[in-house]
Amino acid sequence: MVPESIRDFFVASASAAGALIGLLFVAISVASERLARARAGAQLHRVRAAAALTAFTNALTVSLFALIPGHKIGPTSAAVAVLGLTFVAAALLSLIRLHQVRWDTLRDALFLIALAVTFVIQLIEGVHVITQPGDSGAVNTIAALVIACFLIGIARAWELIGGPSFAIGQEVSALVRGHNGGADDSADEQPP
C-alpha cells in the first residue's frame, strides 16, 4: 500500500513521465533519419530511443498504478521490472549480434547495465511489497527507482538527439594534450 505521504510524489511523477514521453516522441521524430538508416550504427540510436522509452514508461506505469487504491504498486513494479529486464537483454543481444559492443559503445552498455540494475532492485522491492504490504520502506525505494528511471531516460534521450556531452576524462586528456603540445612547440624554438 502506498503511504499517503508519498502519494503527491506519484501524482507529480506520472505527470512528468507523460510529458517526457511526449517530448521523447518529438525527439524521435527529429532523429528519425538516424533511426531509419539501414546500417548497423543506426541500431545504437534505436537502442537509445527504446531505452529512454522503456525508462519513462516504467516510471509512468509504476506512478499511475501507485495512485490506484489498494495493493497495486508491488505487482506493477515487479511486472514492469521483468519487462524492463527483457528489453535490456534484447538490447544487449542486438548490439552483440551487430558487433556493436566496442570501447566507443561502452557508455551505452553502462547505461543498459544501470537500467538493468534499476529493474532488478525494482523487482526485488516489488516482491517485497507484495509479501509485506505494510512496509513503506520498499515503496520509498520504488519511488527512488522511479527517479532513477527519469534520469536514465533523460540521459538516453539527450544522446539520441545528439546533445553535447562533456566527460571529465576526455576534457582532462584534451587539456593535457594541449598543454604538452604547447610545451613541445616552445622546446623546438631556439632562443635568439
N, C-alpha and C. Protein backbone atom coordinates (compact mmCIF):
# COMPACT_ATOMS: atom_id res chain seq x y z
N MET A 1 0.84 -1.18 0.00
CA MET A 1 0.00 0.00 0.00
C MET A 1 0.89 1.24 0.00
N VAL A 2 0.48 2.23 -0.78
CA VAL A 2 1.25 3.46 -0.90
C VAL A 2 0.88 4.40 0.24
N PRO A 3 1.88 4.81 1.05
CA PRO A 3 1.58 5.74 2.14
C PRO A 3 1.06 7.07 1.58
N GLU A 4 0.17 7.69 2.31
CA GLU A 4 -0.41 8.96 1.88
C GLU A 4 0.66 10.03 1.70
N SER A 5 1.72 9.96 2.49
CA SER A 5 2.77 10.97 2.43
C SER A 5 3.53 10.98 1.11
N ILE A 6 3.49 9.89 0.36
CA ILE A 6 4.23 9.82 -0.90
C ILE A 6 3.31 9.89 -2.12
N ARG A 7 2.03 9.97 -1.87
CA ARG A 7 1.05 10.00 -2.98
C ARG A 7 1.28 11.18 -3.92
N ASP A 8 1.57 12.35 -3.36
CA ASP A 8 1.82 13.53 -4.20
C ASP A 8 3.02 13.33 -5.11
N PHE A 9 4.02 12.61 -4.62
CA PHE A 9 5.18 12.30 -5.46
C PHE A 9 4.75 11.54 -6.71
N PHE A 10 3.91 10.52 -6.52
CA PHE A 10 3.48 9.71 -7.66
C PHE A 10 2.57 10.49 -8.61
N VAL A 11 1.79 11.44 -8.08
CA VAL A 11 0.98 12.30 -8.95
C VAL A 11 1.90 13.14 -9.84
N ALA A 12 2.88 13.77 -9.22
CA ALA A 12 3.83 14.59 -9.98
C ALA A 12 4.65 13.74 -10.93
N SER A 13 5.03 12.57 -10.48
CA SER A 13 5.84 11.67 -11.29
C SER A 13 5.08 11.20 -12.53
N ALA A 14 3.82 10.86 -12.36
CA ALA A 14 3.02 10.43 -13.51
C ALA A 14 2.88 11.56 -14.52
N SER A 15 2.68 12.77 -14.03
CA SER A 15 2.58 13.93 -14.93
C SER A 15 3.89 14.16 -15.67
N ALA A 16 4.98 14.11 -14.95
CA ALA A 16 6.29 14.31 -15.58
C ALA A 16 6.60 13.22 -16.59
N ALA A 17 6.29 11.98 -16.26
CA ALA A 17 6.56 10.87 -17.18
C ALA A 17 5.75 11.03 -18.46
N GLY A 18 4.49 11.42 -18.33
CA GLY A 18 3.67 11.64 -19.51
C GLY A 18 4.24 12.73 -20.40
N ALA A 19 4.67 13.82 -19.80
CA ALA A 19 5.27 14.92 -20.56
C ALA A 19 6.58 14.49 -21.22
N LEU A 20 7.41 13.76 -20.49
CA LEU A 20 8.68 13.31 -21.05
C LEU A 20 8.49 12.32 -22.19
N ILE A 21 7.49 11.47 -22.09
CA ILE A 21 7.21 10.54 -23.19
C ILE A 21 6.79 11.33 -24.43
N GLY A 22 5.97 12.35 -24.24
CA GLY A 22 5.58 13.20 -25.36
C GLY A 22 6.78 13.88 -26.00
N LEU A 23 7.67 14.40 -25.17
CA LEU A 23 8.89 15.04 -25.69
C LEU A 23 9.80 14.03 -26.37
N LEU A 24 9.82 12.81 -25.86
CA LEU A 24 10.64 11.77 -26.49
C LEU A 24 10.14 11.48 -27.91
N PHE A 25 8.82 11.47 -28.08
CA PHE A 25 8.29 11.26 -29.43
C PHE A 25 8.71 12.38 -30.36
N VAL A 26 8.77 13.61 -29.86
CA VAL A 26 9.26 14.73 -30.66
C VAL A 26 10.74 14.51 -30.99
N ALA A 27 11.54 14.10 -30.00
CA ALA A 27 12.96 13.84 -30.23
C ALA A 27 13.17 12.73 -31.25
N ILE A 28 12.34 11.70 -31.17
CA ILE A 28 12.45 10.59 -32.12
C ILE A 28 12.12 11.08 -33.53
N SER A 29 11.12 11.94 -33.65
CA SER A 29 10.80 12.45 -34.98
C SER A 29 11.93 13.33 -35.52
N VAL A 30 12.61 14.07 -34.64
CA VAL A 30 13.75 14.89 -35.06
C VAL A 30 14.91 13.99 -35.50
N ALA A 31 15.10 12.90 -34.78
CA ALA A 31 16.22 11.98 -35.08
C ALA A 31 15.80 10.83 -35.98
N SER A 32 14.66 10.95 -36.63
CA SER A 32 14.13 9.83 -37.41
C SER A 32 15.06 9.40 -38.53
N GLU A 33 15.81 10.33 -39.12
CA GLU A 33 16.73 9.96 -40.19
C GLU A 33 17.81 9.01 -39.67
N ARG A 34 18.35 9.32 -38.50
CA ARG A 34 19.38 8.44 -37.91
C ARG A 34 18.80 7.09 -37.53
N LEU A 35 17.55 7.06 -37.07
CA LEU A 35 16.93 5.82 -36.65
C LEU A 35 16.55 4.92 -37.82
N ALA A 36 16.27 5.53 -38.98
CA ALA A 36 15.78 4.77 -40.13
C ALA A 36 16.91 4.19 -40.98
N ARG A 37 18.11 4.62 -40.78
CA ARG A 37 19.23 4.11 -41.59
C ARG A 37 19.33 2.60 -41.46
N ALA A 38 19.75 1.99 -42.54
CA ALA A 38 19.87 0.53 -42.56
C ALA A 38 21.19 0.06 -41.97
N ARG A 39 22.15 0.93 -41.85
CA ARG A 39 23.46 0.49 -41.37
C ARG A 39 23.43 0.14 -39.89
N ALA A 40 24.45 -0.59 -39.49
CA ALA A 40 24.50 -1.12 -38.12
C ALA A 40 24.58 -0.01 -37.07
N GLY A 41 25.23 1.11 -37.37
CA GLY A 41 25.36 2.21 -36.41
C GLY A 41 24.02 2.79 -35.99
N ALA A 42 23.04 2.68 -36.86
CA ALA A 42 21.71 3.19 -36.53
C ALA A 42 21.07 2.38 -35.42
N GLN A 43 21.49 1.12 -35.28
CA GLN A 43 20.92 0.28 -34.22
C GLN A 43 21.21 0.88 -32.84
N LEU A 44 22.36 1.49 -32.70
CA LEU A 44 22.72 2.13 -31.43
C LEU A 44 21.73 3.25 -31.12
N HIS A 45 21.34 4.03 -32.11
CA HIS A 45 20.35 5.10 -31.90
C HIS A 45 18.98 4.51 -31.56
N ARG A 46 18.64 3.40 -32.20
CA ARG A 46 17.35 2.76 -31.90
C ARG A 46 17.35 2.23 -30.46
N VAL A 47 18.48 1.69 -30.02
CA VAL A 47 18.58 1.19 -28.64
C VAL A 47 18.45 2.35 -27.66
N ARG A 48 19.08 3.49 -27.97
CA ARG A 48 18.96 4.66 -27.11
C ARG A 48 17.51 5.13 -27.01
N ALA A 49 16.83 5.19 -28.14
CA ALA A 49 15.43 5.62 -28.15
C ALA A 49 14.56 4.65 -27.35
N ALA A 50 14.76 3.36 -27.56
CA ALA A 50 13.96 2.36 -26.86
C ALA A 50 14.28 2.35 -25.36
N ALA A 51 15.54 2.59 -24.99
CA ALA A 51 15.91 2.64 -23.57
C ALA A 51 15.24 3.82 -22.88
N ALA A 52 15.22 4.96 -23.55
CA ALA A 52 14.56 6.14 -22.97
C ALA A 52 13.06 5.86 -22.81
N LEU A 53 12.45 5.29 -23.84
CA LEU A 53 11.02 5.00 -23.77
C LEU A 53 10.73 3.97 -22.68
N THR A 54 11.57 2.96 -22.55
CA THR A 54 11.39 1.94 -21.52
C THR A 54 11.49 2.56 -20.12
N ALA A 55 12.48 3.42 -19.91
CA ALA A 55 12.66 4.05 -18.60
C ALA A 55 11.47 4.95 -18.26
N PHE A 56 11.03 5.76 -19.23
CA PHE A 56 9.90 6.67 -18.97
C PHE A 56 8.60 5.90 -18.79
N THR A 57 8.40 4.85 -19.59
CA THR A 57 7.19 4.05 -19.47
C THR A 57 7.14 3.34 -18.12
N ASN A 58 8.29 2.87 -17.66
CA ASN A 58 8.36 2.25 -16.34
C ASN A 58 7.92 3.25 -15.27
N ALA A 59 8.48 4.45 -15.32
CA ALA A 59 8.13 5.48 -14.33
C ALA A 59 6.64 5.82 -14.40
N LEU A 60 6.11 5.94 -15.61
CA LEU A 60 4.69 6.27 -15.77
C LEU A 60 3.81 5.16 -15.23
N THR A 61 4.10 3.92 -15.59
CA THR A 61 3.27 2.79 -15.18
C THR A 61 3.27 2.62 -13.67
N VAL A 62 4.44 2.64 -13.07
CA VAL A 62 4.53 2.48 -11.61
C VAL A 62 3.79 3.62 -10.91
N SER A 63 3.99 4.85 -11.40
CA SER A 63 3.35 6.00 -10.77
C SER A 63 1.84 5.95 -10.88
N LEU A 64 1.33 5.59 -12.04
CA LEU A 64 -0.13 5.54 -12.21
C LEU A 64 -0.75 4.43 -11.36
N PHE A 65 -0.13 3.26 -11.34
CA PHE A 65 -0.69 2.18 -10.53
C PHE A 65 -0.55 2.45 -9.03
N ALA A 66 0.44 3.26 -8.65
CA ALA A 66 0.59 3.62 -7.25
C ALA A 66 -0.58 4.49 -6.78
N LEU A 67 -1.22 5.17 -7.72
CA LEU A 67 -2.33 6.06 -7.37
C LEU A 67 -3.66 5.32 -7.23
N ILE A 68 -3.73 4.09 -7.70
CA ILE A 68 -4.95 3.31 -7.58
C ILE A 68 -5.03 2.76 -6.15
N PRO A 69 -6.14 2.97 -5.47
CA PRO A 69 -6.24 2.46 -4.09
C PRO A 69 -6.06 0.93 -4.04
N GLY A 70 -5.47 0.49 -2.97
CA GLY A 70 -5.25 -0.95 -2.79
C GLY A 70 -3.78 -1.29 -2.93
N HIS A 71 -3.52 -2.53 -3.13
CA HIS A 71 -2.14 -3.04 -3.19
C HIS A 71 -1.74 -3.29 -4.63
N LYS A 72 -1.53 -2.21 -5.37
CA LYS A 72 -1.21 -2.33 -6.80
C LYS A 72 0.26 -2.09 -7.12
N ILE A 73 0.96 -1.35 -6.28
CA ILE A 73 2.32 -0.94 -6.63
C ILE A 73 3.30 -2.12 -6.63
N GLY A 74 3.13 -3.08 -5.75
CA GLY A 74 4.04 -4.23 -5.71
C GLY A 74 3.98 -5.07 -6.97
N PRO A 75 2.78 -5.58 -7.33
CA PRO A 75 2.69 -6.38 -8.56
C PRO A 75 3.08 -5.59 -9.81
N THR A 76 2.70 -4.32 -9.85
CA THR A 76 3.05 -3.50 -11.01
C THR A 76 4.55 -3.31 -11.12
N SER A 77 5.20 -3.00 -10.00
CA SER A 77 6.64 -2.81 -10.01
C SER A 77 7.36 -4.07 -10.45
N ALA A 78 6.93 -5.19 -9.95
CA ALA A 78 7.55 -6.46 -10.32
C ALA A 78 7.34 -6.77 -11.80
N ALA A 79 6.12 -6.61 -12.28
CA ALA A 79 5.82 -6.94 -13.68
C ALA A 79 6.56 -6.02 -14.64
N VAL A 80 6.57 -4.73 -14.36
CA VAL A 80 7.24 -3.79 -15.25
C VAL A 80 8.76 -4.00 -15.20
N ALA A 81 9.27 -4.38 -14.05
CA ALA A 81 10.70 -4.66 -13.94
C ALA A 81 11.08 -5.86 -14.80
N VAL A 82 10.27 -6.89 -14.81
CA VAL A 82 10.54 -8.06 -15.66
C VAL A 82 10.53 -7.66 -17.13
N LEU A 83 9.56 -6.85 -17.52
CA LEU A 83 9.52 -6.36 -18.91
C LEU A 83 10.75 -5.52 -19.23
N GLY A 84 11.17 -4.69 -18.29
CA GLY A 84 12.37 -3.88 -18.49
C GLY A 84 13.63 -4.72 -18.64
N LEU A 85 13.73 -5.76 -17.81
CA LEU A 85 14.89 -6.66 -17.91
C LEU A 85 14.89 -7.39 -19.25
N THR A 86 13.71 -7.74 -19.74
CA THR A 86 13.61 -8.37 -21.05
C THR A 86 14.10 -7.42 -22.13
N PHE A 87 13.73 -6.14 -22.05
CA PHE A 87 14.21 -5.16 -23.00
C PHE A 87 15.73 -5.04 -22.96
N VAL A 88 16.30 -4.94 -21.75
CA VAL A 88 17.75 -4.79 -21.62
C VAL A 88 18.47 -5.99 -22.24
N ALA A 89 17.98 -7.19 -21.97
CA ALA A 89 18.59 -8.39 -22.55
C ALA A 89 18.51 -8.35 -24.07
N ALA A 90 17.35 -7.97 -24.62
CA ALA A 90 17.19 -7.89 -26.07
C ALA A 90 18.12 -6.83 -26.67
N ALA A 91 18.24 -5.68 -26.00
CA ALA A 91 19.10 -4.60 -26.50
C ALA A 91 20.56 -5.03 -26.50
N LEU A 92 21.00 -5.67 -25.44
CA LEU A 92 22.39 -6.14 -25.39
C LEU A 92 22.64 -7.21 -26.45
N LEU A 93 21.70 -8.13 -26.62
CA LEU A 93 21.85 -9.15 -27.66
C LEU A 93 21.89 -8.52 -29.05
N SER A 94 21.10 -7.48 -29.25
CA SER A 94 21.09 -6.79 -30.53
C SER A 94 22.45 -6.16 -30.82
N LEU A 95 23.03 -5.51 -29.83
CA LEU A 95 24.34 -4.89 -30.02
C LEU A 95 25.42 -5.95 -30.26
N ILE A 96 25.33 -7.06 -29.54
CA ILE A 96 26.30 -8.15 -29.73
C ILE A 96 26.15 -8.74 -31.13
N ARG A 97 24.91 -8.97 -31.55
CA ARG A 97 24.65 -9.56 -32.86
C ARG A 97 25.20 -8.69 -33.98
N LEU A 98 25.09 -7.39 -33.84
CA LEU A 98 25.56 -6.47 -34.87
C LEU A 98 27.01 -6.05 -34.65
N HIS A 99 27.66 -6.71 -33.71
CA HIS A 99 29.07 -6.40 -33.40
C HIS A 99 29.24 -4.93 -33.02
N GLN A 100 28.29 -4.42 -32.25
CA GLN A 100 28.33 -3.03 -31.82
C GLN A 100 28.93 -2.87 -30.43
N VAL A 101 29.36 -3.96 -29.81
CA VAL A 101 29.96 -3.86 -28.48
C VAL A 101 31.45 -3.59 -28.69
N ARG A 102 31.82 -2.32 -28.55
CA ARG A 102 33.20 -1.87 -28.70
C ARG A 102 33.47 -0.87 -27.58
N TRP A 103 34.72 -0.43 -27.53
CA TRP A 103 35.06 0.53 -26.48
C TRP A 103 34.26 1.81 -26.61
N ASP A 104 34.00 2.25 -27.85
CA ASP A 104 33.26 3.51 -28.00
C ASP A 104 31.78 3.37 -27.66
N THR A 105 31.28 2.15 -27.56
CA THR A 105 29.88 1.95 -27.14
C THR A 105 29.80 1.51 -25.68
N LEU A 106 30.91 1.58 -24.99
CA LEU A 106 30.93 1.18 -23.58
C LEU A 106 29.96 2.01 -22.75
N ARG A 107 29.88 3.29 -23.05
CA ARG A 107 28.96 4.18 -22.32
C ARG A 107 27.52 3.71 -22.48
N ASP A 108 27.16 3.31 -23.70
CA ASP A 108 25.80 2.81 -23.93
C ASP A 108 25.56 1.51 -23.18
N ALA A 109 26.56 0.64 -23.15
CA ALA A 109 26.43 -0.61 -22.41
C ALA A 109 26.29 -0.33 -20.91
N LEU A 110 27.02 0.66 -20.41
CA LEU A 110 26.92 1.02 -18.99
C LEU A 110 25.52 1.55 -18.65
N PHE A 111 24.94 2.33 -19.55
CA PHE A 111 23.57 2.80 -19.32
C PHE A 111 22.59 1.63 -19.29
N LEU A 112 22.78 0.66 -20.18
CA LEU A 112 21.92 -0.51 -20.18
C LEU A 112 22.09 -1.31 -18.90
N ILE A 113 23.32 -1.42 -18.43
CA ILE A 113 23.57 -2.15 -17.18
C ILE A 113 22.95 -1.40 -16.01
N ALA A 114 23.06 -0.07 -16.00
CA ALA A 114 22.43 0.73 -14.94
C ALA A 114 20.92 0.55 -14.97
N LEU A 115 20.36 0.49 -16.16
CA LEU A 115 18.92 0.26 -16.28
C LEU A 115 18.56 -1.13 -15.77
N ALA A 116 19.40 -2.12 -16.09
CA ALA A 116 19.15 -3.49 -15.60
C ALA A 116 19.22 -3.55 -14.08
N VAL A 117 20.21 -2.89 -13.49
CA VAL A 117 20.33 -2.87 -12.04
C VAL A 117 19.10 -2.21 -11.42
N THR A 118 18.65 -1.12 -12.01
CA THR A 118 17.44 -0.45 -11.54
C THR A 118 16.25 -1.40 -11.56
N PHE A 119 16.11 -2.15 -12.65
CA PHE A 119 14.99 -3.08 -12.77
C PHE A 119 15.11 -4.25 -11.81
N VAL A 120 16.32 -4.74 -11.56
CA VAL A 120 16.49 -5.84 -10.61
C VAL A 120 16.08 -5.39 -9.21
N ILE A 121 16.54 -4.21 -8.81
CA ILE A 121 16.17 -3.68 -7.49
C ILE A 121 14.67 -3.45 -7.42
N GLN A 122 14.09 -2.94 -8.50
CA GLN A 122 12.65 -2.70 -8.53
C GLN A 122 11.88 -4.02 -8.41
N LEU A 123 12.37 -5.06 -9.06
CA LEU A 123 11.73 -6.37 -8.96
C LEU A 123 11.77 -6.88 -7.52
N ILE A 124 12.94 -6.76 -6.90
CA ILE A 124 13.09 -7.22 -5.51
C ILE A 124 12.15 -6.43 -4.59
N GLU A 125 12.12 -5.11 -4.75
CA GLU A 125 11.27 -4.28 -3.90
C GLU A 125 9.79 -4.52 -4.19
N GLY A 126 9.44 -4.77 -5.45
CA GLY A 126 8.06 -5.08 -5.78
C GLY A 126 7.60 -6.36 -5.11
N VAL A 127 8.46 -7.38 -5.13
CA VAL A 127 8.13 -8.64 -4.45
C VAL A 127 8.03 -8.41 -2.95
N HIS A 128 8.91 -7.55 -2.43
CA HIS A 128 8.88 -7.23 -1.00
C HIS A 128 7.55 -6.57 -0.62
N VAL A 129 7.07 -5.66 -1.46
CA VAL A 129 5.78 -5.00 -1.18
C VAL A 129 4.64 -6.02 -1.27
N ILE A 130 4.74 -6.97 -2.19
CA ILE A 130 3.70 -7.99 -2.31
C ILE A 130 3.64 -8.85 -1.05
N THR A 131 4.82 -9.25 -0.55
CA THR A 131 4.86 -10.14 0.61
C THR A 131 4.64 -9.40 1.92
N GLN A 132 5.00 -8.12 1.97
CA GLN A 132 4.83 -7.32 3.19
C GLN A 132 4.21 -5.97 2.82
N PRO A 133 2.90 -5.96 2.55
CA PRO A 133 2.25 -4.75 2.05
C PRO A 133 2.32 -3.54 2.98
N GLY A 134 2.55 -3.72 4.23
CA GLY A 134 2.58 -2.60 5.16
C GLY A 134 3.93 -1.91 5.25
N ASP A 135 4.95 -2.44 4.57
CA ASP A 135 6.30 -1.88 4.65
C ASP A 135 6.43 -0.69 3.70
N SER A 136 6.43 0.51 4.25
CA SER A 136 6.54 1.71 3.42
C SER A 136 7.96 1.94 2.91
N GLY A 137 8.95 1.30 3.52
CA GLY A 137 10.33 1.46 3.07
C GLY A 137 10.53 0.96 1.65
N ALA A 138 9.89 -0.15 1.32
CA ALA A 138 10.01 -0.68 -0.04
C ALA A 138 9.33 0.25 -1.04
N VAL A 139 8.22 0.85 -0.65
CA VAL A 139 7.53 1.81 -1.54
C VAL A 139 8.42 3.04 -1.75
N ASN A 140 9.08 3.49 -0.71
CA ASN A 140 10.00 4.62 -0.84
C ASN A 140 11.16 4.28 -1.78
N THR A 141 11.66 3.06 -1.70
CA THR A 141 12.73 2.63 -2.60
C THR A 141 12.22 2.62 -4.04
N ILE A 142 11.01 2.13 -4.25
CA ILE A 142 10.43 2.14 -5.59
C ILE A 142 10.30 3.57 -6.11
N ALA A 143 9.92 4.49 -5.24
CA ALA A 143 9.83 5.90 -5.64
C ALA A 143 11.20 6.43 -6.07
N ALA A 144 12.24 6.06 -5.34
CA ALA A 144 13.60 6.48 -5.72
C ALA A 144 14.00 5.86 -7.05
N LEU A 145 13.56 4.63 -7.32
CA LEU A 145 13.86 3.99 -8.59
C LEU A 145 13.13 4.67 -9.74
N VAL A 146 11.95 5.21 -9.48
CA VAL A 146 11.24 5.99 -10.49
C VAL A 146 12.09 7.20 -10.87
N ILE A 147 12.69 7.84 -9.88
CA ILE A 147 13.58 8.97 -10.15
C ILE A 147 14.78 8.51 -10.98
N ALA A 148 15.35 7.36 -10.64
CA ALA A 148 16.48 6.82 -11.41
C ALA A 148 16.07 6.58 -12.86
N CYS A 149 14.87 6.08 -13.07
CA CYS A 149 14.38 5.87 -14.44
C CYS A 149 14.26 7.19 -15.20
N PHE A 150 13.82 8.23 -14.51
CA PHE A 150 13.77 9.54 -15.15
C PHE A 150 15.16 9.98 -15.59
N LEU A 151 16.12 9.86 -14.70
CA LEU A 151 17.48 10.31 -15.02
C LEU A 151 18.09 9.51 -16.16
N ILE A 152 17.90 8.20 -16.15
CA ILE A 152 18.42 7.36 -17.22
C ILE A 152 17.71 7.71 -18.54
N GLY A 153 16.40 7.86 -18.50
CA GLY A 153 15.65 8.20 -19.70
C GLY A 153 16.05 9.54 -20.28
N ILE A 154 16.26 10.52 -19.43
CA ILE A 154 16.68 11.84 -19.90
C ILE A 154 18.07 11.76 -20.54
N ALA A 155 18.97 11.04 -19.93
CA ALA A 155 20.32 10.89 -20.49
C ALA A 155 20.28 10.19 -21.84
N ARG A 156 19.48 9.15 -21.96
CA ARG A 156 19.35 8.43 -23.24
C ARG A 156 18.74 9.34 -24.30
N ALA A 157 17.71 10.10 -23.94
CA ALA A 157 17.07 10.99 -24.90
C ALA A 157 18.04 12.09 -25.35
N TRP A 158 18.85 12.60 -24.42
CA TRP A 158 19.83 13.63 -24.75
C TRP A 158 20.83 13.10 -25.77
N GLU A 159 21.31 11.89 -25.56
CA GLU A 159 22.25 11.30 -26.51
C GLU A 159 21.58 10.98 -27.83
N LEU A 160 20.30 10.62 -27.78
CA LEU A 160 19.56 10.31 -29.00
C LEU A 160 19.51 11.51 -29.94
N ILE A 161 19.28 12.69 -29.39
CA ILE A 161 19.19 13.87 -30.24
C ILE A 161 20.56 14.46 -30.56
N GLY A 162 21.61 13.85 -30.03
CA GLY A 162 22.96 14.33 -30.34
C GLY A 162 23.39 15.50 -29.50
N GLY A 163 22.83 15.60 -28.31
CA GLY A 163 23.22 16.68 -27.40
C GLY A 163 24.69 16.57 -27.02
N PRO A 164 25.33 17.69 -26.76
CA PRO A 164 26.76 17.64 -26.40
C PRO A 164 26.98 16.95 -25.06
N SER A 165 28.11 16.28 -24.97
CA SER A 165 28.46 15.67 -23.69
C SER A 165 29.89 16.05 -23.34
N PHE A 166 30.10 16.20 -22.08
CA PHE A 166 31.42 16.55 -21.58
C PHE A 166 31.79 15.51 -20.53
N ALA A 167 32.77 14.69 -20.87
CA ALA A 167 33.24 13.69 -19.92
C ALA A 167 34.52 14.20 -19.30
N ILE A 168 34.65 14.03 -18.01
CA ILE A 168 35.82 14.57 -17.31
C ILE A 168 37.12 13.97 -17.85
N GLY A 169 37.10 12.67 -18.14
CA GLY A 169 38.31 12.02 -18.68
C GLY A 169 38.72 12.62 -20.01
N GLN A 170 37.76 12.85 -20.89
CA GLN A 170 38.05 13.43 -22.20
C GLN A 170 38.59 14.86 -22.06
N GLU A 171 37.98 15.63 -21.18
CA GLU A 171 38.40 17.01 -21.02
C GLU A 171 39.80 17.12 -20.41
N VAL A 172 40.10 16.26 -19.43
CA VAL A 172 41.43 16.28 -18.82
C VAL A 172 42.47 15.86 -19.85
N SER A 173 42.18 14.78 -20.63
CA SER A 173 43.18 14.37 -21.62
C SER A 173 43.36 15.41 -22.70
N ALA A 174 42.29 16.10 -23.11
CA ALA A 174 42.44 17.16 -24.10
C ALA A 174 43.26 18.31 -23.53
N LEU A 175 43.06 18.62 -22.27
CA LEU A 175 43.82 19.68 -21.62
C LEU A 175 45.30 19.30 -21.54
N VAL A 176 45.58 18.06 -21.15
CA VAL A 176 46.97 17.60 -21.04
C VAL A 176 47.63 17.59 -22.42
N ARG A 177 46.91 17.08 -23.42
CA ARG A 177 47.46 17.07 -24.78
C ARG A 177 47.73 18.47 -25.26
N GLY A 178 46.82 19.39 -24.99
CA GLY A 178 47.01 20.78 -25.40
C GLY A 178 48.18 21.41 -24.68
N HIS A 179 48.33 21.11 -23.39
CA HIS A 179 49.44 21.66 -22.61
C HIS A 179 50.76 21.08 -23.08
N ASN A 180 50.81 19.76 -23.29
CA ASN A 180 52.03 19.12 -23.77
C ASN A 180 52.37 19.58 -25.17
N GLY A 181 51.37 19.80 -26.01
CA GLY A 181 51.62 20.30 -27.36
C GLY A 181 52.25 21.67 -27.31
N GLY A 182 51.80 22.52 -26.39
CA GLY A 182 52.38 23.86 -26.23
C GLY A 182 53.81 23.77 -25.70
N ALA A 183 54.09 22.83 -24.80
CA ALA A 183 55.44 22.67 -24.26
C ALA A 183 56.37 22.15 -25.34
N ASP A 184 55.91 21.26 -26.20
CA ASP A 184 56.74 20.74 -27.28
C ASP A 184 57.06 21.83 -28.29
N ASP A 185 56.10 22.68 -28.58
CA ASP A 185 56.33 23.77 -29.53
C ASP A 185 57.37 24.74 -29.00
N SER A 186 57.32 25.06 -27.72
CA SER A 186 58.28 26.01 -27.16
C SER A 186 59.67 25.39 -27.03
N ALA A 187 59.75 24.08 -26.87
CA ALA A 187 61.05 23.43 -26.77
C ALA A 187 61.73 23.39 -28.13
N ASP A 188 60.95 23.37 -29.22
CA ASP A 188 61.52 23.35 -30.56
C ASP A 188 62.10 24.70 -30.95
N GLU A 189 61.63 25.76 -30.34
CA GLU A 189 62.11 27.10 -30.68
C GLU A 189 63.46 27.31 -30.00
N GLN A 190 64.38 27.86 -30.75
CA GLN A 190 65.72 28.17 -30.24
C GLN A 190 65.76 29.62 -29.80
N PRO A 191 66.38 29.89 -28.65
CA PRO A 191 66.50 31.28 -28.24
C PRO A 191 67.40 32.05 -29.19
N PRO A 192 67.15 33.38 -29.39
CA PRO A 192 67.98 34.16 -30.33
C PRO A 192 69.38 34.32 -29.92
